[in-house]
C-alpha atoms as a PDB file:
ATOM      1  CA  MET A   1       4.651  38.534 521.156  1.00  0.00           C
ATOM      2  CA  SER A   2       1.177  39.986 520.833  1.00  0.00           C
ATOM      3  CA  VAL A   3      -0.380  41.470 517.714  1.00  0.00           C
ATOM      4  CA  SER A   4      -0.124  45.032 519.009  1.00  0.00           C
ATOM      5  CA  GLN A   5       3.653  44.726 519.493  1.00  0.00           C
ATOM      6  CA  SER A   6       4.187  43.426 515.957  1.00  0.00           C
ATOM      7  CA  GLU A   7       2.078  46.250 514.531  1.00  0.00           C
ATOM      8  CA  GLU A   8       4.146  48.822 516.390  1.00  0.00           C
ATOM      9  CA  ARG A   9       7.377  47.507 514.863  1.00  0.00           C
ATOM     10  CA  ARG A  10       6.190  47.673 511.248  1.00  0.00           C
ATOM     11  CA  PRO A  11       7.623  50.602 509.322  1.00  0.00           C
ATOM     12  CA  VAL A  12       5.021  53.127 508.334  1.00  0.00           C
ATOM     13  CA  ALA A  13       5.284  54.848 504.957  1.00  0.00           C
ATOM     14  CA  VAL A  14       3.635  58.216 504.729  1.00  0.00           C
ATOM     15  CA  ALA A  15       3.555  60.252 501.543  1.00  0.00           C
ATOM     16  CA  VAL A  16       2.979  63.938 502.002  1.00  0.00           C
ATOM     17  CA  VAL A  17       1.394  65.451 498.927  1.00  0.00           C
ATOM     18  CA  SER A  18      -0.395  68.774 498.856  1.00  0.00           C
ATOM     19  CA  MET A  19      -3.947  68.915 497.577  1.00  0.00           C
ATOM     20  CA  ARG A  20      -2.811  71.219 494.756  1.00  0.00           C
ATOM     21  CA  GLU A  21      -0.236  68.674 493.573  1.00  0.00           C
ATOM     22  CA  LEU A  22      -2.744  65.845 493.828  1.00  0.00           C
ATOM     23  CA  LEU A  23      -5.356  67.702 491.771  1.00  0.00           C
ATOM     24  CA  ALA A  24      -2.762  68.797 489.210  1.00  0.00           C
ATOM     25  CA  SER A  25      -1.555  65.243 488.742  1.00  0.00           C
ATOM     26  CA  CYS A  26      -5.135  63.995 488.353  1.00  0.00           C
ATOM     27  CA  ALA A  27      -5.890  66.689 485.751  1.00  0.00           C
ATOM     28  CA  ALA A  28      -2.695  65.851 483.867  1.00  0.00           C
ATOM     29  CA  ALA A  29      -3.480  62.144 483.908  1.00  0.00           C
ATOM     30  CA  ASP A  30      -6.996  62.832 482.657  1.00  0.00           C
ATOM     31  CA  ALA A  31      -5.703  65.045 479.840  1.00  0.00           C
ATOM     32  CA  VAL A  32      -3.225  62.455 478.625  1.00  0.00           C
ATOM     33  CA  SER A  33      -5.595  59.523 478.871  1.00  0.00           C
ATOM     34  CA  ARG A  34      -8.150  60.964 476.438  1.00  0.00           C
ATOM     35  CA  PRO A  35      -7.678  60.784 472.671  1.00  0.00           C
ATOM     36  CA  PRO A  36      -7.229  64.104 470.884  1.00  0.00           C
ATOM     37  CA  ARG A  37     -10.437  65.878 469.939  1.00  0.00           C
ATOM     38  CA  ALA A  38     -11.272  66.203 466.261  1.00  0.00           C
ATOM     39  CA  PRO A  39     -11.025  69.770 464.968  1.00  0.00           C
ATOM     40  CA  ASP A  40     -14.238  71.696 464.488  1.00  0.00           C
ATOM     41  CA  PRO A  41     -15.462  71.610 460.896  1.00  0.00           C
ATOM     42  CA  VAL A  42     -14.695  74.708 458.898  1.00  0.00           C
ATOM     43  CA  ALA A  43     -17.846  76.629 458.002  1.00  0.00           C
ATOM     44  CA  GLY A  44     -18.474  77.423 454.366  1.00  0.00           C
ATOM     45  CA  PRO A  45     -19.379  80.927 453.157  1.00  0.00           C
ATOM     46  CA  VAL A  46     -23.140  80.411 453.618  1.00  0.00           C
ATOM     47  CA  GLU A  47     -22.757  79.089 457.159  1.00  0.00           C
ATOM     48  CA  GLN A  48     -20.271  81.853 457.985  1.00  0.00           C
ATOM     49  CA  ALA A  49     -22.834  84.466 456.890  1.00  0.00           C
ATOM     50  CA  ARG A  50     -25.446  82.879 459.170  1.00  0.00           C
ATOM     51  CA  VAL A  51     -23.025  82.999 462.093  1.00  0.00           C
ATOM     52  CA  GLU A  52     -22.263  86.664 461.455  1.00  0.00           C
ATOM     53  CA  GLN A  53     -25.980  87.511 461.216  1.00  0.00           C
ATOM     54  CA  GLY A  54     -26.840  85.557 464.362  1.00  0.00           C
ATOM     55  CA  ARG A  55     -28.904  82.889 462.582  1.00  0.00           C
ATOM     56  CA  VAL A  56     -26.885  79.898 463.741  1.00  0.00           C
ATOM     57  CA  GLY A  57     -28.720  76.589 463.602  1.00  0.00           C
ATOM     58  CA  GLN A  58     -31.579  77.905 461.466  1.00  0.00           C
ATOM     59  CA  GLY A  59     -32.301  76.266 458.148  1.00  0.00           C
ATOM     60  CA  ARG A  60     -33.471  77.792 454.849  1.00  0.00           C
ATOM     61  CA  GLU A  61     -37.011  78.148 456.133  1.00  0.00           C
ATOM     62  CA  ALA A  62     -35.962  80.928 458.500  1.00  0.00           C
ATOM     63  CA  ALA A  63     -33.781  82.738 455.971  1.00  0.00           C
END
């Protein structure tokens, strides 16, 4: 028996998965494998006023 005949007799397993399903499963696996993100810190009244006035990230010097 030659090698080519033995290769022909081996069962071949083929999984048919759509690209959409593959990408969805990868995204789901990525989402579950990361630890939960810490919540954003709550801004105090002074910081909230800066946000409302459009002065985010500016210190007292600019106020």
